[in-house]
PDB file of N, CA and C in Angstrom:
ATOM      1  N   UNK A   1     -11.853  18.184   3.709  1.00  0.00           N
ATOM      2  CA  UNK A   1     -11.500  19.392   2.979  1.00  0.00           C
ATOM      3  C   UNK A   1     -12.520  20.470   3.332  1.00  0.00           C
ATOM      4  N   UNK A   2     -12.051  21.652   3.643  1.00  0.00           N
ATOM      5  CA  UNK A   2     -12.940  22.754   3.996  1.00  0.00           C
ATOM      6  C   UNK A   2     -13.800  23.148   2.799  1.00  0.00           C
ATOM      7  N   UNK A   3     -15.049  23.487   3.063  1.00  0.00           N
ATOM      8  CA  UNK A   3     -15.975  23.867   1.994  1.00  0.00           C
ATOM      9  C   UNK A   3     -15.392  25.014   1.171  1.00  0.00           C
ATOM     10  N   UNK A   4     -15.423  24.847  -0.139  1.00  0.00           N
ATOM     11  CA  UNK A   4     -14.947  25.891  -1.045  1.00  0.00           C
ATOM     12  C   UNK A   4     -13.457  25.866  -1.310  1.00  0.00           C
ATOM     13  N   UNK A   5     -12.697  25.106  -0.518  1.00  0.00           N
ATOM     14  CA  UNK A   5     -11.252  25.085  -0.713  1.00  0.00           C
ATOM     15  C   UNK A   5     -10.893  24.181  -1.891  1.00  0.00           C
ATOM     16  N   UNK A   6      -9.727  24.422  -2.461  1.00  0.00           N
ATOM     17  CA  UNK A   6      -9.233  23.571  -3.544  1.00  0.00           C
ATOM     18  C   UNK A   6      -7.757  23.288  -3.327  1.00  0.00           C
ATOM     19  N   UNK A   7      -7.354  22.130  -3.812  1.00  0.00           N
ATOM     20  CA  UNK A   7      -5.946  21.743  -3.804  1.00  0.00           C
ATOM     21  C   UNK A   7      -5.525  21.415  -5.222  1.00  0.00           C
ATOM     22  N   UNK A   8      -4.302  21.734  -5.524  1.00  0.00           N
ATOM     23  CA  UNK A   8      -3.708  21.336  -6.794  1.00  0.00           C
ATOM     24  C   UNK A   8      -2.514  20.457  -6.494  1.00  0.00           C
ATOM     25  N   UNK A   9      -2.434  19.352  -7.197  1.00  0.00           N
ATOM     26  CA  UNK A   9      -1.259  18.494  -7.138  1.00  0.00           C
ATOM     27  C   UNK A   9      -0.706  18.475  -8.559  1.00  0.00           C
ATOM     28  N   UNK A  10       0.474  19.037  -8.717  1.00  0.00           N
ATOM     29  CA  UNK A  10       1.063  19.231 -10.038  1.00  0.00           C
ATOM     30  C   UNK A  10       2.348  18.405 -10.128  1.00  0.00           C
ATOM     31  N   UNK A  11       2.438  17.554 -11.140  1.00  0.00           N
ATOM     32  CA  UNK A  11       3.649  16.775 -11.386  1.00  0.00           C
ATOM     33  C   UNK A  11       4.383  17.391 -12.565  1.00  0.00           C
ATOM     34  N   UNK A  12       5.671  17.633 -12.356  1.00  0.00           N
ATOM     35  CA  UNK A  12       6.504  18.243 -13.388  1.00  0.00           C
ATOM     36  C   UNK A  12       7.797  17.443 -13.537  1.00  0.00           C
ATOM     37  N   UNK A  13       8.336  17.432 -14.737  1.00  0.00           N
ATOM     38  CA  UNK A  13       9.661  16.871 -14.942  1.00  0.00           C
ATOM     39  C   UNK A  13      10.705  17.927 -14.635  1.00  0.00           C
ATOM     40  N   UNK A  14      11.939  17.495 -14.502  1.00  0.00           N
ATOM     41  CA  UNK A  14      13.057  18.432 -14.343  1.00  0.00           C
ATOM     42  C   UNK A  14      14.084  18.055 -15.406  1.00  0.00           C
ATOM     43  N   UNK A  15      14.372  18.994 -16.278  1.00  0.00           N
ATOM     44  CA  UNK A  15      15.287  18.740 -17.402  1.00  0.00           C
ATOM     45  C   UNK A  15      16.675  18.341 -16.880  1.00  0.00           C
ATOM     46  N   UNK A  16      17.361  17.444 -17.588  1.00  0.00           N
ATOM     47  CA  UNK A  16      18.712  17.033 -17.182  1.00  0.00           C
ATOM     48  C   UNK A  16      19.640  18.243 -17.019  1.00  0.00           C
ATOM     49  N   UNK A  17      20.371  18.256 -15.920  1.00  0.00           N
ATOM     50  CA  UNK A  17      21.315  19.333 -15.652  1.00  0.00           C
ATOM     51  C   UNK A  17      20.687  20.614 -15.136  1.00  0.00           C
ATOM     52  N   UNK A  18      19.378  20.609 -14.895  1.00  0.00           N
ATOM     53  CA  UNK A  18      18.674  21.835 -14.490  1.00  0.00           C
ATOM     54  C   UNK A  18      18.189  21.805 -13.041  1.00  0.00           C
ATOM     55  N   UNK A  19      18.603  20.806 -12.249  1.00  0.00           N
ATOM     56  CA  UNK A  19      18.097  20.689 -10.884  1.00  0.00           C
ATOM     57  C   UNK A  19      18.429  21.914 -10.036  1.00  0.00           C
ATOM     58  N   UNK A  20      19.662  22.404 -10.103  1.00  0.00           N
ATOM     59  CA  UNK A  20      20.034  23.574  -9.296  1.00  0.00           C
ATOM     60  C   UNK A  20      19.220  24.800  -9.701  1.00  0.00           C
ATOM     61  N   UNK A  21      19.064  25.003 -11.006  1.00  0.00           N
ATOM     62  CA  UNK A  21      18.258  26.131 -11.492  1.00  0.00           C
ATOM     63  C   UNK A  21      16.802  25.969 -11.051  1.00  0.00           C
ATOM     64  N   UNK A  22      16.298  24.740 -11.141  1.00  0.00           N
ATOM     65  CA  UNK A  22      14.938  24.454 -10.687  1.00  0.00           C
ATOM     66  C   UNK A  22      14.779  24.830  -9.215  1.00  0.00           C
ATOM     67  N   UNK A  23      15.716  24.392  -8.381  1.00  0.00           N
ATOM     68  CA  UNK A  23      15.617  24.666  -6.940  1.00  0.00           C
ATOM     69  C   UNK A  23      15.625  26.171  -6.659  1.00  0.00           C
ATOM     70  N   UNK A  24      16.442  26.918  -7.372  1.00  0.00           N
ATOM     71  CA  UNK A  24      16.485  28.375  -7.182  1.00  0.00           C
ATOM     72  C   UNK A  24      15.153  29.017  -7.578  1.00  0.00           C
ATOM     73  N   UNK A  25      14.601  28.586  -8.709  1.00  0.00           N
ATOM     74  CA  UNK A  25      13.305  29.133  -9.142  1.00  0.00           C
ATOM     75  C   UNK A  25      12.194  28.744  -8.179  1.00  0.00           C
ATOM     76  N   UNK A  26      12.188  27.488  -7.742  1.00  0.00           N
ATOM     77  CA  UNK A  26      11.163  27.029  -6.798  1.00  0.00           C
ATOM     78  C   UNK A  26      11.242  27.818  -5.495  1.00  0.00           C
ATOM     79  N   UNK A  27      12.457  28.072  -5.021  1.00  0.00           N
ATOM     80  CA  UNK A  27      12.627  28.844  -3.792  1.00  0.00           C
ATOM     81  C   UNK A  27      12.132  30.285  -3.980  1.00  0.00           C
ATOM     82  N   UNK A  28      12.478  30.887  -5.107  1.00  0.00           N
ATOM     83  CA  UNK A  28      12.034  32.258  -5.374  1.00  0.00           C
ATOM     84  C   UNK A  28      10.513  32.335  -5.479  1.00  0.00           C
ATOM     85  N   UNK A  29       9.915  31.381  -6.191  1.00  0.00           N
ATOM     86  CA  UNK A  29       8.457  31.357  -6.310  1.00  0.00           C
ATOM     87  C   UNK A  29       7.805  31.189  -4.945  1.00  0.00           C
ATOM     88  N   UNK A  30       8.322  30.244  -4.169  1.00  0.00           N
ATOM     89  CA  UNK A  30       7.741  29.958  -2.859  1.00  0.00           C
ATOM     90  C   UNK A  30       7.863  31.155  -1.927  1.00  0.00           C
ATOM     91  N   UNK A  31       9.020  31.784  -1.905  1.00  0.00           N
ATOM     92  CA  UNK A  31       9.204  32.974  -1.059  1.00  0.00           C
ATOM     93  C   UNK A  31       8.250  34.088  -1.475  1.00  0.00           C
ATOM     94  N   UNK A  32       8.092  34.292  -2.778  1.00  0.00           N
ATOM     95  CA  UNK A  32       7.167  35.313  -3.264  1.00  0.00           C
ATOM     96  C   UNK A  32       5.731  35.019  -2.869  1.00  0.00           C
ATOM     97  N   UNK A  33       5.324  33.755  -2.988  1.00  0.00           N
ATOM     98  CA  UNK A  33       3.966  33.371  -2.601  1.00  0.00           C
ATOM     99  C   UNK A  33       3.776  33.573  -1.106  1.00  0.00           C
ATOM    100  N   UNK A  34       4.742  33.109  -0.306  1.00  0.00           N
ATOM    101  CA  UNK A  34       4.624  33.221   1.149  1.00  0.00           C
ATOM    102  C   UNK A  34       4.555  34.676   1.603  1.00  0.00           C
ATOM    103  N   UNK A  35       5.348  35.539   0.992  1.00  0.00           N
ATOM    104  CA  UNK A  35       5.405  36.940   1.398  1.00  0.00           C
ATOM    105  C   UNK A  35       4.233  37.766   0.882  1.00  0.00           C
ATOM    106  N   UNK A  36       3.718  37.432  -0.304  1.00  0.00           N
ATOM    107  CA  UNK A  36       2.752  38.314  -0.962  1.00  0.00           C
ATOM    108  C   UNK A  36       1.343  37.757  -1.105  1.00  0.00           C
ATOM    109  N   UNK A  37       1.134  36.508  -0.714  1.00  0.00           N
ATOM    110  CA  UNK A  37      -0.174  35.892  -0.901  1.00  0.00           C
ATOM    111  C   UNK A  37      -0.668  35.261   0.402  1.00  0.00           C
ATOM    112  N   UNK A  38      -1.175  36.064   1.315  1.00  0.00           N
ATOM    113  CA  UNK A  38      -1.623  35.505   2.591  1.00  0.00           C
ATOM    114  C   UNK A  38      -2.803  34.539   2.470  1.00  0.00           C
ATOM    115  N   UNK A  39      -3.496  34.556   1.344  1.00  0.00           N
ATOM    116  CA  UNK A  39      -4.629  33.641   1.179  1.00  0.00           C
ATOM    117  C   UNK A  39      -4.225  32.303   0.569  1.00  0.00           C
ATOM    118  N   UNK A  40      -2.953  32.151   0.190  1.00  0.00           N
ATOM    119  CA  UNK A  40      -2.457  30.841  -0.230  1.00  0.00           C
ATOM    120  C   UNK A  40      -2.099  30.080   1.038  1.00  0.00           C
ATOM    121  N   UNK A  41      -2.800  28.973   1.280  1.00  0.00           N
ATOM    122  CA  UNK A  41      -2.663  28.247   2.544  1.00  0.00           C
ATOM    123  C   UNK A  41      -1.500  27.266   2.554  1.00  0.00           C
ATOM    124  N   UNK A  42      -1.100  26.783   1.407  1.00  0.00           N
ATOM    125  CA  UNK A  42       0.012  25.851   1.329  1.00  0.00           C
ATOM    126  C   UNK A  42       0.626  25.873  -0.054  1.00  0.00           C
ATOM    127  N   UNK A  43       1.950  25.730  -0.111  1.00  0.00           N
ATOM    128  CA  UNK A  43       2.675  25.766  -1.375  1.00  0.00           C
ATOM    129  C   UNK A  43       3.966  24.993  -1.142  1.00  0.00           C
ATOM    130  N   UNK A  44       3.981  23.697  -1.488  1.00  0.00           N
ATOM    131  CA  UNK A  44       5.073  22.817  -1.133  1.00  0.00           C
ATOM    132  C   UNK A  44       5.603  22.070  -2.353  1.00  0.00           C
ATOM    133  N   UNK A  45       6.916  21.988  -2.463  1.00  0.00           N
ATOM    134  CA  UNK A  45       7.580  21.264  -3.541  1.00  0.00           C
ATOM    135  C   UNK A  45       8.192  19.984  -2.986  1.00  0.00           C
ATOM    136  N   UNK A  46       8.121  18.913  -3.767  1.00  0.00           N
ATOM    137  CA  UNK A  46       8.715  17.625  -3.414  1.00  0.00           C
ATOM    138  C   UNK A  46       9.476  17.115  -4.642  1.00  0.00           C
ATOM    139  N   UNK A  47      10.765  16.802  -4.482  1.00  0.00           N
ATOM    140  CA  UNK A  47      11.608  16.356  -5.590  1.00  0.00           C
ATOM    141  C   UNK A  47      12.008  14.903  -5.349  1.00  0.00           C
ATOM    142  N   UNK A  48      11.965  14.079  -6.404  1.00  0.00           N
ATOM    143  CA  UNK A  48      12.361  12.678  -6.266  1.00  0.00           C
ATOM    144  C   UNK A  48      13.871  12.565  -6.039  1.00  0.00           C
ATOM    145  N   UNK A  49      14.311  11.384  -5.609  1.00  0.00           N
ATOM    146  CA  UNK A  49      15.722  11.172  -5.276  1.00  0.00           C
ATOM    147  C   UNK A  49      16.645  11.383  -6.471  1.00  0.00           C
ATOM    148  N   UNK A  50      16.176  11.068  -7.657  1.00  0.00           N
ATOM    149  CA  UNK A  50      17.011  11.221  -8.854  1.00  0.00           C
ATOM    150  C   UNK A  50      17.111  12.675  -9.317  1.00  0.00           C
ATOM    151  N   UNK A  51      16.234  13.544  -8.796  1.00  0.00           N
ATOM    152  CA  UNK A  51      16.240  14.952  -9.221  1.00  0.00           C
ATOM    153  C   UNK A  51      15.708  15.150 -10.624  1.00  0.00           C
ATOM    154  N   UNK A  52      14.816  14.245 -11.064  1.00  0.00           N
ATOM    155  CA  UNK A  52      14.295  14.320 -12.426  1.00  0.00           C
ATOM    156  C   UNK A  52      12.815  14.665 -12.502  1.00  0.00           C
ATOM    157  N   UNK A  53      12.136  14.670 -11.366  1.00  0.00           N
ATOM    158  CA  UNK A  53      10.721  15.052 -11.365  1.00  0.00           C
ATOM    159  C   UNK A  53      10.343  15.592  -9.993  1.00  0.00           C
ATOM    160  N   UNK A  54       9.219  16.278  -9.966  1.00  0.00           N
ATOM    161  CA  UNK A  54       8.771  16.878  -8.708  1.00  0.00           C
ATOM    162  C   UNK A  54       7.256  16.928  -8.664  1.00  0.00           C
ATOM    163  N   UNK A  55       6.761  17.138  -7.464  1.00  0.00           N
ATOM    164  CA  UNK A  55       5.354  17.433  -7.234  1.00  0.00           C
ATOM    165  C   UNK A  55       5.262  18.773  -6.536  1.00  0.00           C
ATOM    166  N   UNK A  56       4.282  19.554  -6.938  1.00  0.00           N
ATOM    167  CA  UNK A  56       3.946  20.799  -6.257  1.00  0.00           C
ATOM    168  C   UNK A  56       2.564  20.612  -5.678  1.00  0.00           C
ATOM    169  N   UNK A  57       2.435  20.816  -4.376  1.00  0.00           N
ATOM    170  CA  UNK A  57       1.165  20.695  -3.672  1.00  0.00           C
ATOM    171  C   UNK A  57       0.731  22.104  -3.271  1.00  0.00           C
ATOM    172  N   UNK A  58      -0.400  22.550  -3.803  1.00  0.00           N
ATOM    173  CA  UNK A  58      -0.911  23.891  -3.525  1.00  0.00           C
ATOM    174  C   UNK A  58      -2.265  23.779  -2.835  1.00  0.00           C
ATOM    175  N   UNK A  59      -2.545  24.679  -1.899  1.00  0.00           N
ATOM    176  CA  UNK A  59      -3.796  24.635  -1.152  1.00  0.00           C
ATOM    177  C   UNK A  59      -4.339  26.057  -1.000  1.00  0.00           C
ATOM    178  N   UNK A  60      -5.604  26.222  -1.413  1.00  0.00           N
ATOM    179  CA  UNK A  60      -6.263  27.534  -1.391  1.00  0.00           C
ATOM    180  C   UNK A  60      -7.607  27.427  -0.693  1.00  0.00           C
ATOM    181  N   UNK A  61      -7.974  28.465   0.042  1.00  0.00           N
ATOM    182  CA  UNK A  61      -9.253  28.479   0.748  1.00  0.00           C
ATOM    183  C   UNK A  61     -10.445  28.640  -0.166  1.00  0.00           C
ATOM    184  N   UNK A  62     -10.208  29.152  -1.385  1.00  0.00           N
ATOM    185  CA  UNK A  62     -11.310  29.361  -2.323  1.00  0.00           C
ATOM    186  C   UNK A  62     -10.763  29.473  -3.744  1.00  0.00           C
ATOM    187  N   UNK A  63     -11.650  29.380  -4.703  1.00  0.00           N
ATOM    188  CA  UNK A  63     -11.262  29.575  -6.102  1.00  0.00           C
ATOM    189  C   UNK A  63     -10.715  30.977  -6.322  1.00  0.00           C
ATOM    190  N   UNK A  64     -11.289  31.960  -5.659  1.00  0.00           N
ATOM    191  CA  UNK A  64     -10.830  33.343  -5.803  1.00  0.00           C
ATOM    192  C   UNK A  64      -9.390  33.486  -5.318  1.00  0.00           C
ATOM    193  N   UNK A  65      -9.051  32.777  -4.225  1.00  0.00           N
ATOM    194  CA  UNK A  65      -7.675  32.817  -3.723  1.00  0.00           C
ATOM    195  C   UNK A  65      -6.713  32.232  -4.752  1.00  0.00           C
ATOM    196  N   UNK A  66      -7.114  31.136  -5.386  1.00  0.00           N
ATOM    197  CA  UNK A  66      -6.274  30.553  -6.423  1.00  0.00           C
ATOM    198  C   UNK A  66      -6.099  31.524  -7.588  1.00  0.00           C
ATOM    199  N   UNK A  67      -7.183  32.159  -8.025  1.00  0.00           N
ATOM    200  CA  UNK A  67      -7.104  33.079  -9.160  1.00  0.00           C
ATOM    201  C   UNK A  67      -6.173  34.250  -8.861  1.00  0.00           C
ATOM    202  N   UNK A  68      -6.182  34.755  -7.639  1.00  0.00           N
ATOM    203  CA  UNK A  68      -5.234  35.815  -7.252  1.00  0.00           C
ATOM    204  C   UNK A  68      -3.797  35.312  -7.397  1.00  0.00           C
ATOM    205  N   UNK A  69      -3.564  34.093  -6.951  1.00  0.00           N
ATOM    206  CA  UNK A  69      -2.234  33.500  -7.074  1.00  0.00           C
ATOM    207  C   UNK A  69      -1.833  33.360  -8.545  1.00  0.00           C
ATOM    208  N   UNK A  70      -2.704  32.792  -9.339  1.00  0.00           N
ATOM    209  CA  UNK A  70      -2.388  32.515 -10.736  1.00  0.00           C
ATOM    210  C   UNK A  70      -2.112  33.799 -11.514  1.00  0.00           C
ATOM    211  N   UNK A  71      -2.898  34.810 -11.280  1.00  0.00           N
ATOM    212  CA  UNK A  71      -2.707  36.080 -11.985  1.00  0.00           C
ATOM    213  C   UNK A  71      -1.411  36.759 -11.564  1.00  0.00           C
ATOM    214  N   UNK A  72      -0.989  36.552 -10.314  1.00  0.00           N
ATOM    215  CA  UNK A  72       0.251  37.147  -9.831  1.00  0.00           C
ATOM    216  C   UNK A  72       1.496  36.395 -10.266  1.00  0.00           C
ATOM    217  N   UNK A  73       1.308  35.157 -10.701  1.00  0.00           N
ATOM    218  CA  UNK A  73       2.447  34.328 -11.075  1.00  0.00           C
ATOM    219  C   UNK A  73       3.119  34.833 -12.345  1.00  0.00           C
ATOM    220  N   UNK A  74       2.317  35.229 -13.300  1.00  0.00           N
ATOM    221  CA  UNK A  74       2.783  35.866 -14.534  1.00  0.00           C
ATOM    222  C   UNK A  74       3.949  35.204 -15.225  1.00  0.00           C
ATOM    223  N   UNK A  75       4.954  36.004 -15.602  1.00  0.00           N
ATOM    224  CA  UNK A  75       6.068  35.490 -16.395  1.00  0.00           C
ATOM    225  C   UNK A  75       6.947  34.489 -15.642  1.00  0.00           C
ATOM    226  N   UNK A  76       6.844  34.460 -14.327  1.00  0.00           N
ATOM    227  CA  UNK A  76       7.644  33.520 -13.538  1.00  0.00           C
ATOM    228  C   UNK A  76       7.300  32.081 -13.902  1.00  0.00           C
ATOM    229  N   UNK A  77       6.051  31.838 -14.230  1.00  0.00           N
ATOM    230  CA  UNK A  77       5.613  30.489 -14.583  1.00  0.00           C
ATOM    231  C   UNK A  77       6.304  30.004 -15.854  1.00  0.00           C
ATOM    232  N   UNK A  78       6.470  30.895 -16.812  1.00  0.00           N
ATOM    233  CA  UNK A  78       7.131  30.531 -18.079  1.00  0.00           C
ATOM    234  C   UNK A  78       8.554  30.045 -17.825  1.00  0.00           C
ATOM    235  N   UNK A  79       9.296  30.749 -16.982  1.00  0.00           N
ATOM    236  CA  UNK A  79      10.671  30.362 -16.675  1.00  0.00           C
ATOM    237  C   UNK A  79      10.724  28.980 -16.036  1.00  0.00           C
ATOM    238  N   UNK A  80       9.799  28.701 -15.124  1.00  0.00           N
ATOM    239  CA  UNK A  80       9.779  27.403 -14.457  1.00  0.00           C
ATOM    240  C   UNK A  80       9.434  26.286 -15.444  1.00  0.00           C
ATOM    241  N   UNK A  81       8.414  26.496 -16.247  1.00  0.00           N
ATOM    242  CA  UNK A  81       7.988  25.447 -17.174  1.00  0.00           C
ATOM    243  C   UNK A  81       9.016  25.173 -18.271  1.00  0.00           C
ATOM    244  N   UNK A  82       9.903  26.133 -18.533  1.00  0.00           N
ATOM    245  CA  UNK A  82      10.948  25.927 -19.531  1.00  0.00           C
ATOM    246  C   UNK A  82      11.954  24.870 -19.085  1.00  0.00           C
ATOM    247  N   UNK A  83      12.168  24.739 -17.778  1.00  0.00           N
ATOM    248  CA  UNK A  83      13.114  23.734 -17.277  1.00  0.00           C
ATOM    249  C   UNK A  83      12.411  22.606 -16.526  1.00  0.00           C
ATOM    250  N   UNK A  84      11.139  22.775 -16.245  1.00  0.00           N
ATOM    251  CA  UNK A  84      10.384  21.785 -15.487  1.00  0.00           C
ATOM    252  C   UNK A  84       8.983  21.658 -16.093  1.00  0.00           C
ATOM    253  N   UNK A  85       8.874  20.946 -17.226  1.00  0.00           N
ATOM    254  CA  UNK A  85       7.603  20.888 -17.945  1.00  0.00           C
ATOM    255  C   UNK A  85       6.490  20.170 -17.171  1.00  0.00           C
ATOM    256  N   UNK A  86       5.292  20.676 -17.361  1.00  0.00           N
ATOM    257  CA  UNK A  86       4.094  20.113 -16.743  1.00  0.00           C
ATOM    258  C   UNK A  86       3.832  18.717 -17.289  1.00  0.00           C
ATOM    259  N   UNK A  87       3.591  17.760 -16.396  1.00  0.00           N
ATOM    260  CA  UNK A  87       3.279  16.395 -16.797  1.00  0.00           C
ATOM    261  C   UNK A  87       1.862  15.986 -16.409  1.00  0.00           C
ATOM    262  N   UNK A  88       1.381  16.487 -15.277  1.00  0.00           N
ATOM    263  CA  UNK A  88       0.037  16.139 -14.818  1.00  0.00           C
ATOM    264  C   UNK A  88      -0.421  17.169 -13.800  1.00  0.00           C
ATOM    265  N   UNK A  89      -1.722  17.463 -13.824  1.00  0.00           N
ATOM    266  CA  UNK A  89      -2.303  18.370 -12.840  1.00  0.00           C
ATOM    267  C   UNK A  89      -3.620  17.784 -12.355  1.00  0.00           C
ATOM    268  N   UNK A  90      -3.737  17.662 -11.046  1.00  0.00           N
ATOM    269  CA  UNK A  90      -4.953  17.161 -10.419  1.00  0.00           C
ATOM    270  C   UNK A  90      -5.503  18.280  -9.547  1.00  0.00           C
ATOM    271  N   UNK A  91      -6.799  18.540  -9.679  1.00  0.00           N
ATOM    272  CA  UNK A  91      -7.465  19.558  -8.876  1.00  0.00           C
ATOM    273  C   UNK A  91      -8.475  18.846  -7.987  1.00  0.00           C
ATOM    274  N   UNK A  92      -8.333  19.045  -6.683  1.00  0.00           N
ATOM    275  CA  UNK A  92      -9.218  18.425  -5.706  1.00  0.00           C
ATOM    276  C   UNK A  92     -10.119  19.491  -5.105  1.00  0.00           C
ATOM    277  N   UNK A  93     -11.415  19.203  -5.000  1.00  0.00           N
ATOM    278  CA  UNK A  93     -12.350  20.149  -4.403  1.00  0.00           C
ATOM    279  C   UNK A  93     -13.404  20.584  -5.399  1.00  0.00           C
ATOM    280  N   UNK A  94     -13.914  21.785  -5.196  1.00  0.00           N
ATOM    281  CA  UNK A  94     -15.004  22.295  -6.025  1.00  0.00           C
ATOM    282  C   UNK A  94     -14.647  23.671  -6.576  1.00  0.00           C
ATOM    283  N   UNK A  95     -13.751  23.727  -7.563  1.00  0.00           N
ATOM    284  CA  UNK A  95     -13.377  25.021  -8.135  1.00  0.00           C
ATOM    285  C   UNK A  95     -14.539  25.631  -8.913  1.00  0.00           C
ATOM    286  N   UNK A  96     -14.529  26.954  -9.000  1.00  0.00           N
ATOM    287  CA  UNK A  96     -15.574  27.621  -9.773  1.00  0.00           C
ATOM    288  C   UNK A  96     -15.326  27.455 -11.276  1.00  0.00           C
ATOM    289  N   UNK A  97     -16.260  27.934 -12.072  1.00  0.00           N
ATOM    290  CA  UNK A  97     -16.197  27.751 -13.527  1.00  0.00           C
ATOM    291  C   UNK A  97     -14.953  28.394 -14.131  1.00  0.00           C
ATOM    292  N   UNK A  98     -14.533  29.549 -13.633  1.00  0.00           N
ATOM    293  CA  UNK A  98     -13.356  30.224 -14.182  1.00  0.00           C
ATOM    294  C   UNK A  98     -12.094  29.389 -13.958  1.00  0.00           C
ATOM    295  N   UNK A  99     -11.954  28.817 -12.767  1.00  0.00           N
ATOM    296  CA  UNK A  99     -10.796  27.974 -12.478  1.00  0.00           C
ATOM    297  C   UNK A  99     -10.844  26.709 -13.329  1.00  0.00           C
ATOM    298  N   UNK A 100     -12.030  26.114 -13.461  1.00  0.00           N
ATOM    299  CA  UNK A 100     -12.160  24.908 -14.284  1.00  0.00           C
ATOM    300  C   UNK A 100     -11.765  25.185 -15.732  1.00  0.00           C
ATOM    301  N   UNK A 101     -12.187  26.308 -16.258  1.00  0.00           N
ATOM    302  CA  UNK A 101     -11.844  26.649 -17.636  1.00  0.00           C
ATOM    303  C   UNK A 101     -10.345  26.900 -17.776  1.00  0.00           C
ATOM    304  N   UNK A 102      -9.785  27.655 -16.859  1.00  0.00           N
ATOM    305  CA  UNK A 102      -8.364  27.992 -16.903  1.00  0.00           C
ATOM    306  C   UNK A 102      -7.492  26.743 -16.794  1.00  0.00           C
ATOM    307  N   UNK A 103      -7.746  25.927 -15.774  1.00  0.00           N
ATOM    308  CA  UNK A 103      -6.912  24.752 -15.552  1.00  0.00           C
ATOM    309  C   UNK A 103      -7.274  23.607 -16.489  1.00  0.00           C
ATOM    310  N   UNK A 104      -8.524  23.539 -16.902  1.00  0.00           N
ATOM    311  CA  UNK A 104      -8.912  22.538 -17.894  1.00  0.00           C
ATOM    312  C   UNK A 104      -8.155  22.731 -19.191  1.00  0.00           C
ATOM    313  N   UNK A 105      -7.885  23.987 -19.553  1.00  0.00           N
ATOM    314  CA  UNK A 105      -7.111  24.285 -20.740  1.00  0.00           C
ATOM    315  C   UNK A 105      -5.662  23.821 -20.641  1.00  0.00           C
ATOM    316  N   UNK A 106      -5.205  23.559 -19.407  1.00  0.00           N
ATOM    317  CA  UNK A 106      -3.851  23.051 -19.187  1.00  0.00           C
ATOM    318  C   UNK A 106      -3.850  21.530 -19.019  1.00  0.00           C
ATOM    319  N   UNK A 107      -5.026  20.924 -19.193  1.00  0.00           N
ATOM    320  CA  UNK A 107      -5.128  19.472 -19.099  1.00  0.00           C
ATOM    321  C   UNK A 107      -5.412  18.937 -17.716  1.00  0.00           C
ATOM    322  N   UNK A 108      -5.843  19.787 -16.794  1.00  0.00           N
ATOM    323  CA  UNK A 108      -6.114  19.335 -15.424  1.00  0.00           C
ATOM    324  C   UNK A 108      -7.243  18.315 -15.380  1.00  0.00           C
ATOM    325  N   UNK A 109      -7.133  17.421 -14.401  1.00  0.00           N
ATOM    326  CA  UNK A 109      -8.196  16.465 -14.092  1.00  0.00           C
ATOM    327  C   UNK A 109      -8.821  16.916 -12.787  1.00  0.00           C
ATOM    328  N   UNK A 110     -10.144  16.863 -12.710  1.00  0.00           N
ATOM    329  CA  UNK A 110     -10.871  17.385 -11.556  1.00  0.00           C
ATOM    330  C   UNK A 110     -11.512  16.259 -10.761  1.00  0.00           C
ATOM    331  N   UNK A 111     -11.390  16.356  -9.424  1.00  0.00           N
ATOM    332  CA  UNK A 111     -11.976  15.389  -8.511  1.00  0.00           C
ATOM    333  C   UNK A 111     -12.738  16.144  -7.436  1.00  0.00           C
ATOM    334  N   UNK A 112     -14.044  15.878  -7.335  1.00  0.00           N
ATOM    335  CA  UNK A 112     -14.894  16.549  -6.353  1.00  0.00           C
ATOM    336  C   UNK A 112     -14.726  15.905  -4.981  1.00  0.00           C
ATOM    337  N   UNK A 113     -14.765  16.708  -3.950  1.00  0.00           N
ATOM    338  CA  UNK A 113     -14.722  16.195  -2.578  1.00  0.00           C
ATOM    339  C   UNK A 113     -15.938  15.300  -2.360  1.00  0.00           C
ATOM    340  N   UNK A 114     -15.711  14.149  -1.765  1.00  0.00           N
ATOM    341  CA  UNK A 114     -16.797  13.208  -1.544  1.00  0.00           C
ATOM    342  C   UNK A 114     -17.011  12.947  -0.065  1.00  0.00           C
ATOM    343  N   UNK A 115     -15.967  12.539   0.628  1.00  0.00           N
ATOM    344  CA  UNK A 115     -16.048  12.297   2.070  1.00  0.00           C
ATOM    345  C   UNK A 115     -14.672  12.418   2.661  1.00  0.00           C
ATOM    346  N   UNK A 116     -14.582  12.871   3.881  1.00  0.00           N
ATOM    347  CA  UNK A 116     -13.294  12.977   4.565  1.00  0.00           C
ATOM    348  C   UNK A 116     -13.205  14.242   5.382  1.00  0.00           C
ATOM    349  N   UNK A 117     -12.046  14.437   5.981  1.00  0.00           N
ATOM    350  CA  UNK A 117     -11.838  15.636   6.771  1.00  0.00           C
ATOM    351  C   UNK A 117     -10.379  16.057   6.680  1.00  0.00           C
ATOM    352  N   UNK A 118     -10.122  17.300   7.025  1.00  0.00           N
ATOM    353  CA  UNK A 118      -8.779  17.854   7.040  1.00  0.00           C
ATOM    354  C   UNK A 118      -8.661  18.687   8.305  1.00  0.00           C
ATOM    355  N   UNK A 119      -7.619  18.465   9.062  1.00  0.00           N
ATOM    356  CA  UNK A 119      -7.438  19.228  10.310  1.00  0.00           C
ATOM    357  C   UNK A 119      -6.380  20.276  10.144  1.00  0.00           C
TER     358      UNK A 119
END
């Protein structure tokens, strides 16, 4: 993992009958991030075969990059969480105190980089 970078792995449920709506919101969020957030390095959704849960994998070069993303997300996050509630959040890397406080308030678990590499 690059020094200062952070990753978020977010597990969410998908409410019954809401898979199509979820996919539309996920696509809109992803397109907005890709077009407007050049410092967001990765933003990927993975849905299970049953269409009842998903993982969001996010990758940022720094805590500041994540904070720019989070502040820009705004009301869009509320719409997503209404049909796809948060179940677990894992933060990998060394986020700054502001990110720890913000995501800790959402129940995130933090794991510091120990050894390894990313190409």
